[in-house]
Amino acid sequence: IIDATKCGNLARFINHCCTPNCYAKVITIEAQKKIVIYSKQAIG
């Protein structure tokens, strides 16, 4: 689990939405899993 409560970045402020404009994806870089937020659609 990634805990961003006390040592995170701005991504922790992303709110939930039932019809979101982004999605979260777990990717592996150099054997380390990371969570990356990608856009589902164009965002203004």
All heavy atoms as atom14 arrays in JSON, in Angstrom:
{
  "sequence": "IIDATKCGNLARFINHCCTPNCYAKVITIEAQKKIVIYSKQAIG",
  "atom14_mask": [
    [1, 1, 1, 1, 1, 1, 1, 1, 0, 0, 0, 0, 0, 0],
    [1, 1, 1, 1, 1, 1, 1, 1, 0, 0, 0, 0, 0, 0],
    [1, 1, 1, 1, 1, 1, 1, 1, 0, 0, 0, 0, 0, 0],
    [1, 1, 1, 1, 1, 0, 0, 0, 0, 0, 0, 0, 0, 0],
    [1, 1, 1, 1, 1, 1, 1, 0, 0, 0, 0, 0, 0, 0],
    [1, 1, 1, 1, 1, 1, 1, 1, 1, 0, 0, 0, 0, 0],
    [1, 1, 1, 1, 1, 1, 0, 0, 0, 0, 0, 0, 0, 0],
    [1, 1, 1, 1, 0, 0, 0, 0, 0, 0, 0, 0, 0, 0],
    [1, 1, 1, 1, 1, 1, 1, 1, 0, 0, 0, 0, 0, 0],
    [1, 1, 1, 1, 1, 1, 1, 1, 0, 0, 0, 0, 0, 0],
    [1, 1, 1, 1, 1, 0, 0, 0, 0, 0, 0, 0, 0, 0],
    [1, 1, 1, 1, 1, 1, 1, 1, 1, 1, 1, 0, 0, 0],
    [1, 1, 1, 1, 1, 1, 1, 1, 1, 1, 1, 0, 0, 0],
    [1, 1, 1, 1, 1, 1, 1, 1, 0, 0, 0, 0, 0, 0],
    [1, 1, 1, 1, 1, 1, 1, 1, 0, 0, 0, 0, 0, 0],
    [1, 1, 1, 1, 1, 1, 1, 1, 1, 1, 0, 0, 0, 0],
    [1, 1, 1, 1, 1, 1, 0, 0, 0, 0, 0, 0, 0, 0],
    [1, 1, 1, 1, 1, 1, 0, 0, 0, 0, 0, 0, 0, 0],
    [1, 1, 1, 1, 1, 1, 1, 0, 0, 0, 0, 0, 0, 0],
    [1, 1, 1, 1, 1, 1, 1, 0, 0, 0, 0, 0, 0, 0],
    [1, 1, 1, 1, 1, 1, 1, 1, 0, 0, 0, 0, 0, 0],
    [1, 1, 1, 1, 1, 1, 0, 0, 0, 0, 0, 0, 0, 0],
    [1, 1, 1, 1, 1, 1, 1, 1, 1, 1, 1, 1, 0, 0],
    [1, 1, 1, 1, 1, 0, 0, 0, 0, 0, 0, 0, 0, 0],
    [1, 1, 1, 1, 1, 1, 1, 1, 1, 0, 0, 0, 0, 0],
    [1, 1, 1, 1, 1, 1, 1, 0, 0, 0, 0, 0, 0, 0],
    [1, 1, 1, 1, 1, 1, 1, 1, 0, 0, 0, 0, 0, 0],
    [1, 1, 1, 1, 1, 1, 1, 0, 0, 0, 0, 0, 0, 0],
    [1, 1, 1, 1, 1, 1, 1, 1, 0, 0, 0, 0, 0, 0],
    [1, 1, 1, 1, 1, 1, 1, 1, 1, 0, 0, 0, 0, 0],
    [1, 1, 1, 1, 1, 0, 0, 0, 0, 0, 0, 0, 0, 0],
    [1, 1, 1, 1, 1, 1, 1, 1, 1, 0, 0, 0, 0, 0],
    [1, 1, 1, 1, 1, 1, 1, 1, 1, 0, 0, 0, 0, 0],
    [1, 1, 1, 1, 1, 1, 1, 1, 1, 0, 0, 0, 0, 0],
    [1, 1, 1, 1, 1, 1, 1, 1, 0, 0, 0, 0, 0, 0],
    [1, 1, 1, 1, 1, 1, 1, 0, 0, 0, 0, 0, 0, 0],
    [1, 1, 1, 1, 1, 1, 1, 1, 0, 0, 0, 0, 0, 0],
    [1, 1, 1, 1, 1, 1, 1, 1, 1, 1, 1, 1, 0, 0],
    [1, 1, 1, 1, 1, 1, 0, 0, 0, 0, 0, 0, 0, 0],
    [1, 1, 1, 1, 1, 1, 1, 1, 1, 0, 0, 0, 0, 0],
    [1, 1, 1, 1, 1, 1, 1, 1, 1, 0, 0, 0, 0, 0],
    [1, 1, 1, 1, 1, 0, 0, 0, 0, 0, 0, 0, 0, 0],
    [1, 1, 1, 1, 1, 1, 1, 1, 0, 0, 0, 0, 0, 0],
    [1, 1, 1, 1, 0, 0, 0, 0, 0, 0, 0, 0, 0, 0]
  ],
  "atom14_positions": [
    [[0.87, -1.17, 0.0], [0.0, 0.0, 0.0], [0.9, 1.22, 0.0], [1.94, 1.24, 0.67], [-0.92, 0.0, 1.24], [-1.89, -1.17, 1.13], [-1.65, 1.31, 1.4], [-2.63, -1.49, 2.39], [0.0, 0.0, 0.0], [0.0, 0.0, 0.0], [0.0, 0.0, 0.0], [0.0, 0.0, 0.0], [0.0, 0.0, 0.0], [0.0, 0.0, 0.0]],
    [[0.52, 2.25, -0.75], [1.26, 3.52, -0.72], [0.52, 4.44, 0.24], [-0.67, 4.7, 0.08], [1.37, 4.15, -2.12], [2.21, 3.25, -3.04], [1.98, 5.56, -2.02], [2.34, 3.75, -4.46], [0.0, 0.0, 0.0], [0.0, 0.0, 0.0], [0.0, 0.0, 0.0], [0.0, 0.0, 0.0], [0.0, 0.0, 0.0], [0.0, 0.0, 0.0]],
    [[1.25, 4.94, 1.24], [0.69, 5.89, 2.2], [1.23, 7.27, 1.86], [2.41, 7.56, 2.03], [1.09, 5.5, 3.63], [0.48, 6.43, 4.68], [-0.24, 7.39, 4.31], [0.74, 6.2, 5.87], [0.0, 0.0, 0.0], [0.0, 0.0, 0.0], [0.0, 0.0, 0.0], [0.0, 0.0, 0.0], [0.0, 0.0, 0.0], [0.0, 0.0, 0.0]],
    [[0.34, 8.14, 1.37], [0.72, 9.5, 1.01], [0.21, 10.52, 2.04], [0.22, 11.72, 1.78], [0.18, 9.84, -0.38], [0.0, 0.0, 0.0], [0.0, 0.0, 0.0], [0.0, 0.0, 0.0], [0.0, 0.0, 0.0], [0.0, 0.0, 0.0], [0.0, 0.0, 0.0], [0.0, 0.0, 0.0], [0.0, 0.0, 0.0], [0.0, 0.0, 0.0]],
    [[-0.23, 10.03, 3.2], [-0.84, 10.91, 4.2], [0.13, 11.98, 4.68], [-0.23, 13.16, 4.76], [-1.35, 10.09, 5.4], [-2.21, 9.06, 4.91], [-2.11, 10.97, 6.38], [0.0, 0.0, 0.0], [0.0, 0.0, 0.0], [0.0, 0.0, 0.0], [0.0, 0.0, 0.0], [0.0, 0.0, 0.0], [0.0, 0.0, 0.0], [0.0, 0.0, 0.0]],
    [[1.35, 11.59, 5.01], [2.31, 12.56, 5.55], [3.47, 12.84, 4.6], [4.18, 13.81, 4.8], [2.84, 12.08, 6.9], [1.75, 12.08, 7.97], [2.31, 11.86, 9.34], [1.22, 11.99, 10.39], [1.73, 11.83, 11.74], [0.0, 0.0, 0.0], [0.0, 0.0, 0.0], [0.0, 0.0, 0.0], [0.0, 0.0, 0.0], [0.0, 0.0, 0.0]],
    [[3.68, 11.97, 3.64], [4.8, 12.2, 2.7], [4.37, 11.79, 1.29], [4.77, 10.76, 0.79], [6.06, 11.46, 3.13], [5.86, 9.67, 3.25], [0.0, 0.0, 0.0], [0.0, 0.0, 0.0], [0.0, 0.0, 0.0], [0.0, 0.0, 0.0], [0.0, 0.0, 0.0], [0.0, 0.0, 0.0], [0.0, 0.0, 0.0], [0.0, 0.0, 0.0]],
    [[3.52, 12.6, 0.7], [3.03, 12.3, -0.64], [3.18, 13.52, -1.54], [3.78, 14.52, -1.16], [0.0, 0.0, 0.0], [0.0, 0.0, 0.0], [0.0, 0.0, 0.0], [0.0, 0.0, 0.0], [0.0, 0.0, 0.0], [0.0, 0.0, 0.0], [0.0, 0.0, 0.0], [0.0, 0.0, 0.0], [0.0, 0.0, 0.0], [0.0, 0.0, 0.0]],
    [[2.6, 13.42, -2.71], [2.61, 14.55, -3.63], [1.17, 15.01, -3.89], [0.24, 14.58, -3.21], [3.34, 14.18, -4.93], [2.64, 13.09, -5.71], [1.67, 12.48, -5.25], [3.13, 12.81, -6.9], [0.0, 0.0, 0.0], [0.0, 0.0, 0.0], [0.0, 0.0, 0.0], [0.0, 0.0, 0.0], [0.0, 0.0, 0.0], [0.0, 0.0, 0.0]],
    [[0.99, 15.86, -4.89], [-0.33, 16.42, -5.16], [-1.36, 15.37, -5.59], [-2.56, 15.61, -5.5], [-0.23, 17.5, -6.24], [0.45, 18.8, -5.83], [0.52, 19.75, -7.02], [-0.27, 19.47, -4.67], [0.0, 0.0, 0.0], [0.0, 0.0, 0.0], [0.0, 0.0, 0.0], [0.0, 0.0, 0.0], [0.0, 0.0, 0.0], [0.0, 0.0, 0.0]],
    [[-0.91, 14.2, -6.04], [-1.85, 13.17, -6.48], [-2.81, 12.76, -5.37], [-3.93, 12.33, -5.65], [-1.08, 11.94, -6.99], [0.0, 0.0, 0.0], [0.0, 0.0, 0.0], [0.0, 0.0, 0.0], [0.0, 0.0, 0.0], [0.0, 0.0, 0.0], [0.0, 0.0, 0.0], [0.0, 0.0, 0.0], [0.0, 0.0, 0.0], [0.0, 0.0, 0.0]],
    [[-2.41, 12.93, -4.13], [-3.3, 12.53, -3.02], [-4.56, 13.39, -2.95], [-5.53, 13.02, -2.31], [-2.55, 12.57, -1.7], [-2.18, 13.94, -1.23], [-1.35, 13.87, 0.02], [-0.98, 15.21, 0.46], [-0.39, 15.48, 1.58], [-0.07, 14.49, 2.4], [-0.08, 16.7, 1.91], [0.0, 0.0, 0.0], [0.0, 0.0, 0.0], [0.0, 0.0, 0.0]],
    [[-4.57, 14.53, -3.62], [-5.74, 15.42, -3.6], [-6.76, 15.1, -4.69], [-7.79, 15.76, -4.79], [-5.31, 16.88, -3.7], [-4.53, 17.35, -2.52], [-3.17, 17.63, -2.63], [-5.13, 17.5, -1.27], [-2.44, 18.04, -1.54], [-4.39, 17.91, -0.17], [-3.05, 18.18, -0.31], [0.0, 0.0, 0.0], [0.0, 0.0, 0.0], [0.0, 0.0, 0.0]],
    [[-6.5, 14.07, -5.5], [-7.45, 13.72, -6.56], [-8.69, 13.09, -5.91], [-8.59, 12.15, -5.14], [-6.83, 12.74, -7.57], [-5.6, 13.37, -8.23], [-7.86, 12.35, -8.63], [-4.84, 12.42, -9.14], [0.0, 0.0, 0.0], [0.0, 0.0, 0.0], [0.0, 0.0, 0.0], [0.0, 0.0, 0.0], [0.0, 0.0, 0.0], [0.0, 0.0, 0.0]],
    [[-9.84, 13.63, -6.25], [-11.1, 13.17, -5.68], [-11.71, 12.03, -6.5], [-11.45, 11.9, -7.7], [-12.11, 14.32, -5.59], [-11.82, 15.22, -4.41], [-11.62, 14.73, -3.3], [-11.79, 16.52, -4.64], [0.0, 0.0, 0.0], [0.0, 0.0, 0.0], [0.0, 0.0, 0.0], [0.0, 0.0, 0.0], [0.0, 0.0, 0.0], [0.0, 0.0, 0.0]],
    [[-12.55, 11.25, -5.82], [-13.31, 10.19, -6.48], [-14.44, 10.8, -7.3], [-15.04, 11.81, -6.9], [-13.93, 9.25, -5.44], [-15.02, 8.39, -6.01], [-14.76, 7.24, -6.7], [-16.36, 8.56, -6.04], [-15.9, 6.72, -7.12], [-16.89, 7.51, -6.72], [0.0, 0.0, 0.0], [0.0, 0.0, 0.0], [0.0, 0.0, 0.0], [0.0, 0.0, 0.0]],
    [[-14.74, 10.17, -8.43], [-15.91, 10.53, -9.22], [-16.43, 9.26, -9.88], [-15.64, 8.42, -10.32], [-15.54, 11.58, -10.27], [-16.95, 12.15, -11.24], [0.0, 0.0, 0.0], [0.0, 0.0, 0.0], [0.0, 0.0, 0.0], [0.0, 0.0, 0.0], [0.0, 0.0, 0.0], [0.0, 0.0, 0.0], [0.0, 0.0, 0.0], [0.0, 0.0, 0.0]],
    [[-17.74, 9.13, -9.94], [-18.34, 7.94, -10.57], [-18.2, 7.98, -12.09], [-18.28, 6.94, -12.75], [-19.81, 7.83, -10.18], [-20.04, 7.52, -8.41], [0.0, 0.0, 0.0], [0.0, 0.0, 0.0], [0.0, 0.0, 0.0], [0.0, 0.0, 0.0], [0.0, 0.0, 0.0], [0.0, 0.0, 0.0], [0.0, 0.0, 0.0], [0.0, 0.0, 0.0]],
    [[-18.02, 9.17, -12.67], [-17.74, 9.31, -14.1], [-16.44, 10.12, -14.24], [-16.46, 11.3, -14.58], [-18.89, 10.0, -14.85], [-19.19, 11.23, -14.18], [-20.12, 9.13, -14.9], [0.0, 0.0, 0.0], [0.0, 0.0, 0.0], [0.0, 0.0, 0.0], [0.0, 0.0, 0.0], [0.0, 0.0, 0.0], [0.0, 0.0, 0.0], [0.0, 0.0, 0.0]],
    [[-15.31, 9.49, -13.93], [-14.03, 10.2, -13.86], [-13.43, 10.53, -15.23], [-13.81, 9.93, -16.24], [-13.14, 9.21, -13.12], [-13.68, 7.87, -13.54], [-15.17, 8.07, -13.65], [0.0, 0.0, 0.0], [0.0, 0.0, 0.0], [0.0, 0.0, 0.0], [0.0, 0.0, 0.0], [0.0, 0.0, 0.0], [0.0, 0.0, 0.0], [0.0, 0.0, 0.0]],
    [[-12.49, 11.47, -15.21], [-11.77, 11.8, -16.44], [-10.39, 11.14, -16.48], [-9.65, 11.3, -17.45], [-11.66, 13.32, -16.65], [-11.04, 14.04, -15.47], [-10.38, 13.44, -14.62], [-11.26, 15.36, -15.4], [0.0, 0.0, 0.0], [0.0, 0.0, 0.0], [0.0, 0.0, 0.0], [0.0, 0.0, 0.0], [0.0, 0.0, 0.0], [0.0, 0.0, 0.0]],
    [[-10.05, 10.4, -15.42], [-8.76, 9.7, -15.35], [-8.95, 8.31, -14.76], [-10.02, 7.98, -14.24], [-7.77, 10.47, -14.45], [-7.23, 12.04, -15.15], [0.0, 0.0, 0.0], [0.0, 0.0, 0.0], [0.0, 0.0, 0.0], [0.0, 0.0, 0.0], [0.0, 0.0, 0.0], [0.0, 0.0, 0.0], [0.0, 0.0, 0.0], [0.0, 0.0, 0.0]],
    [[-7.9, 7.51, -14.83], [-7.89, 6.19, -14.2], [-6.51, 5.93, -13.64], [-5.52, 6.52, -14.08], [-8.3, 5.09, -15.19], [-7.36, 4.91, -16.36], [-6.34, 3.97, -16.32], [-7.49, 5.69, -17.5], [-5.47, 3.81, -17.4], [-6.64, 5.54, -18.59], [-5.62, 4.59, -18.53], [-4.77, 4.44, -19.59], [0.0, 0.0, 0.0], [0.0, 0.0, 0.0]],
    [[-6.45, 5.07, -12.64], [-5.18, 4.7, -12.01], [-4.73, 3.36, -12.58], [-5.54, 2.47, -12.81], [-5.36, 4.59, -10.5], [0.0, 0.0, 0.0], [0.0, 0.0, 0.0], [0.0, 0.0, 0.0], [0.0, 0.0, 0.0], [0.0, 0.0, 0.0], [0.0, 0.0, 0.0], [0.0, 0.0, 0.0], [0.0, 0.0, 0.0], [0.0, 0.0, 0.0]],
    [[-3.43, 3.25, -12.8], [-2.87, 2.01, -13.35], [-1.59, 1.68, -12.61], [-0.77, 2.56, -12.35], [-2.58, 2.2, -14.84], [-2.07, 0.97, -15.54], [-1.91, 1.25, -17.02], [-1.39, 0.04, -17.74], [-1.23, 0.3, -19.18], [0.0, 0.0, 0.0], [0.0, 0.0, 0.0], [0.0, 0.0, 0.0], [0.0, 0.0, 0.0], [0.0, 0.0, 0.0]],
    [[-1.43, 0.41, -12.24], [-0.19, -0.04, -11.6], [0.77, -0.44, -12.73], [0.43, -1.27, -13.58], [-0.43, -1.23, -10.65], [0.88, -1.73, -10.07], [-1.4, -0.83, -9.55], [0.0, 0.0, 0.0], [0.0, 0.0, 0.0], [0.0, 0.0, 0.0], [0.0, 0.0, 0.0], [0.0, 0.0, 0.0], [0.0, 0.0, 0.0], [0.0, 0.0, 0.0]],
    [[1.94, 0.18, -12.74], [2.96, -0.17, -13.74], [4.22, -0.6, -13.0], [4.41, -0.26, -11.83], [3.26, 1.0, -14.71], [3.83, 2.21, -13.96], [2.0, 1.39, -15.49], [4.34, 3.31, -14.87], [0.0, 0.0, 0.0], [0.0, 0.0, 0.0], [0.0, 0.0, 0.0], [0.0, 0.0, 0.0], [0.0, 0.0, 0.0], [0.0, 0.0, 0.0]],
    [[5.06, -1.36, -13.67], [6.32, -1.81, -13.08], [7.47, -1.15, -13.81], [7.57, -1.25, -15.04], [6.44, -3.34, -13.15], [5.3, -3.91, -12.51], [7.71, -3.83, -12.46], [0.0, 0.0, 0.0], [0.0, 0.0, 0.0], [0.0, 0.0, 0.0], [0.0, 0.0, 0.0], [0.0, 0.0, 0.0], [0.0, 0.0, 0.0], [0.0, 0.0, 0.0]],
    [[8.33, -0.47, -13.06], [9.52, 0.16, -13.61], [10.71, -0.33, -12.79], [10.75, -0.14, -11.57], [9.44, 1.7, -13.56], [8.26, 2.19, -14.39], [10.75, 2.33, -14.03], [8.01, 3.68, -14.32], [0.0, 0.0, 0.0], [0.0, 0.0, 0.0], [0.0, 0.0, 0.0], [0.0, 0.0, 0.0], [0.0, 0.0, 0.0], [0.0, 0.0, 0.0]],
    [[11.65, -0.98, -13.48], [12.85, -1.53, -12.82], [12.47, -2.36, -11.59], [12.98, -2.14, -10.49], [13.83, -0.42, -12.48], [14.36, 0.3, -13.71], [15.28, 1.47, -13.37], [15.56, 1.71, -12.17], [15.69, 2.15, -14.31], [0.0, 0.0, 0.0], [0.0, 0.0, 0.0], [0.0, 0.0, 0.0], [0.0, 0.0, 0.0], [0.0, 0.0, 0.0]],
    [[11.53, -3.28, -11.78], [11.08, -4.24, -10.75], [10.34, -3.58, -9.59], [10.08, -4.21, -8.57], [12.23, -5.09, -10.24], [0.0, 0.0, 0.0], [0.0, 0.0, 0.0], [0.0, 0.0, 0.0], [0.0, 0.0, 0.0], [0.0, 0.0, 0.0], [0.0, 0.0, 0.0], [0.0, 0.0, 0.0], [0.0, 0.0, 0.0], [0.0, 0.0, 0.0]],
    [[9.98, -2.3, -9.7], [9.23, -1.63, -8.64], [7.87, -1.21, -9.18], [7.78, -0.58, -10.24], [10.0, -0.41, -8.13], [9.35, 0.18, -6.9], [10.22, 1.25, -6.25], [11.12, 1.8, -6.86], [9.93, 1.52, -5.0], [0.0, 0.0, 0.0], [0.0, 0.0, 0.0], [0.0, 0.0, 0.0], [0.0, 0.0, 0.0], [0.0, 0.0, 0.0]],
    [[6.81, -1.58, -8.43], [5.46, -1.23, -8.84], [5.15, 0.21, -8.44], [5.46, 0.62, -7.33], [4.45, -2.18, -8.22], [4.52, -3.58, -8.78], [3.47, -4.47, -8.16], [3.54, -5.87, -8.74], [2.55, -6.75, -8.11], [0.0, 0.0, 0.0], [0.0, 0.0, 0.0], [0.0, 0.0, 0.0], [0.0, 0.0, 0.0], [0.0, 0.0, 0.0]],
    [[4.52, 0.92, -9.37], [4.14, 2.32, -9.14], [2.71, 2.52, -9.58], [2.22, 1.81, -10.44], [5.07, 3.26, -9.91], [6.52, 3.14, -9.49], [7.39, 4.06, -10.3], [8.83, 3.99, -9.84], [9.07, 4.68, -8.6], [0.0, 0.0, 0.0], [0.0, 0.0, 0.0], [0.0, 0.0, 0.0], [0.0, 0.0, 0.0], [0.0, 0.0, 0.0]],
    [[2.04, 3.5, -8.98], [0.69, 3.86, -9.39], [0.77, 5.15, -10.19], [1.31, 6.15, -9.71], [-0.23, 4.06, -8.17], [-0.36, 2.75, -7.4], [-1.6, 4.57, -8.61], [-1.07, 2.88, -6.07], [0.0, 0.0, 0.0], [0.0, 0.0, 0.0], [0.0, 0.0, 0.0], [0.0, 0.0, 0.0], [0.0, 0.0, 0.0], [0.0, 0.0, 0.0]],
    [[0.24, 5.09, -11.4], [0.27, 6.26, -12.28], [-1.17, 6.6, -12.67], [-1.97, 5.71, -12.95], [1.13, 6.0, -13.53], [1.15, 7.21, -14.44], [2.56, 5.63, -13.12], [0.0, 0.0, 0.0], [0.0, 0.0, 0.0], [0.0, 0.0, 0.0], [0.0, 0.0, 0.0], [0.0, 0.0, 0.0], [0.0, 0.0, 0.0], [0.0, 0.0, 0.0]],
    [[-1.48, 7.87, -12.68], [-2.8, 8.35, -13.08], [-2.72, 8.78, -14.54], [-1.86, 9.59, -14.9], [-3.25, 9.54, -12.19], [-3.1, 9.23, -10.69], [-4.66, 9.97, -12.55], [-3.87, 8.04, -10.19], [0.0, 0.0, 0.0], [0.0, 0.0, 0.0], [0.0, 0.0, 0.0], [0.0, 0.0, 0.0], [0.0, 0.0, 0.0], [0.0, 0.0, 0.0]],
    [[-3.61, 8.22, -15.36], [-3.68, 8.54, -16.79], [-5.03, 9.18, -17.11], [-6.04, 8.86, -16.49], [-3.57, 7.26, -17.63], [-2.21, 6.63, -17.63], [-1.88, 5.64, -16.71], [-1.25, 7.01, -18.57], [-0.63, 5.04, -16.71], [0.01, 6.42, -18.57], [0.31, 5.44, -17.64], [1.54, 4.86, -17.64], [0.0, 0.0, 0.0], [0.0, 0.0, 0.0]],
    [[-5.04, 10.03, -18.13], [-6.29, 10.66, -18.57], [-7.09, 9.68, -19.42], [-6.54, 8.97, -20.26], [-5.99, 11.93, -19.37], [-5.12, 11.63, -20.45], [0.0, 0.0, 0.0], [0.0, 0.0, 0.0], [0.0, 0.0, 0.0], [0.0, 0.0, 0.0], [0.0, 0.0, 0.0], [0.0, 0.0, 0.0], [0.0, 0.0, 0.0], [0.0, 0.0, 0.0]],
    [[-8.4, 9.64, -19.2], [-9.3, 8.8, -20.0], [-9.78, 9.56, -21.23], [-10.21, 8.97, -22.2], [-10.56, 8.44, -19.19], [-10.34, 7.44, -18.09], [-11.61, 7.21, -17.31], [-12.6, 6.39, -18.09], [-13.73, 5.92, -17.26], [0.0, 0.0, 0.0], [0.0, 0.0, 0.0], [0.0, 0.0, 0.0], [0.0, 0.0, 0.0], [0.0, 0.0, 0.0]],
    [[-9.75, 10.88, -21.12], [-10.31, 11.75, -22.15], [-9.54, 13.07, -22.11], [-8.72, 13.27, -21.23], [-11.79, 12.0, -21.85], [-11.97, 12.72, -20.51], [-13.33, 12.51, -19.9], [-13.89, 11.42, -19.97], [-13.87, 13.55, -19.29], [0.0, 0.0, 0.0], [0.0, 0.0, 0.0], [0.0, 0.0, 0.0], [0.0, 0.0, 0.0], [0.0, 0.0, 0.0]],
    [[-9.82, 13.94, -23.05], [-9.2, 15.27, -23.03], [-9.69, 16.02, -21.8], [-10.87, 15.95, -21.44], [-9.55, 16.02, -24.3], [0.0, 0.0, 0.0], [0.0, 0.0, 0.0], [0.0, 0.0, 0.0], [0.0, 0.0, 0.0], [0.0, 0.0, 0.0], [0.0, 0.0, 0.0], [0.0, 0.0, 0.0], [0.0, 0.0, 0.0], [0.0, 0.0, 0.0]],
    [[-8.77, 16.73, -21.15], [-9.07, 17.49, -19.94], [-8.66, 18.93, -20.19], [-7.52, 19.2, -20.62], [-8.31, 16.91, -18.72], [-8.74, 15.46, -18.48], [-8.56, 17.77, -17.48], [-7.89, 14.72, -17.46], [0.0, 0.0, 0.0], [0.0, 0.0, 0.0], [0.0, 0.0, 0.0], [0.0, 0.0, 0.0], [0.0, 0.0, 0.0], [0.0, 0.0, 0.0]],
    [[-9.56, 19.85, -19.91], [-9.3, 21.26, -20.16], [-8.61, 21.95, -18.98], [-8.57, 21.43, -17.87], [0.0, 0.0, 0.0], [0.0, 0.0, 0.0], [0.0, 0.0, 0.0], [0.0, 0.0, 0.0], [0.0, 0.0, 0.0], [0.0, 0.0, 0.0], [0.0, 0.0, 0.0], [0.0, 0.0, 0.0], [0.0, 0.0, 0.0], [0.0, 0.0, 0.0]]
  ]
}
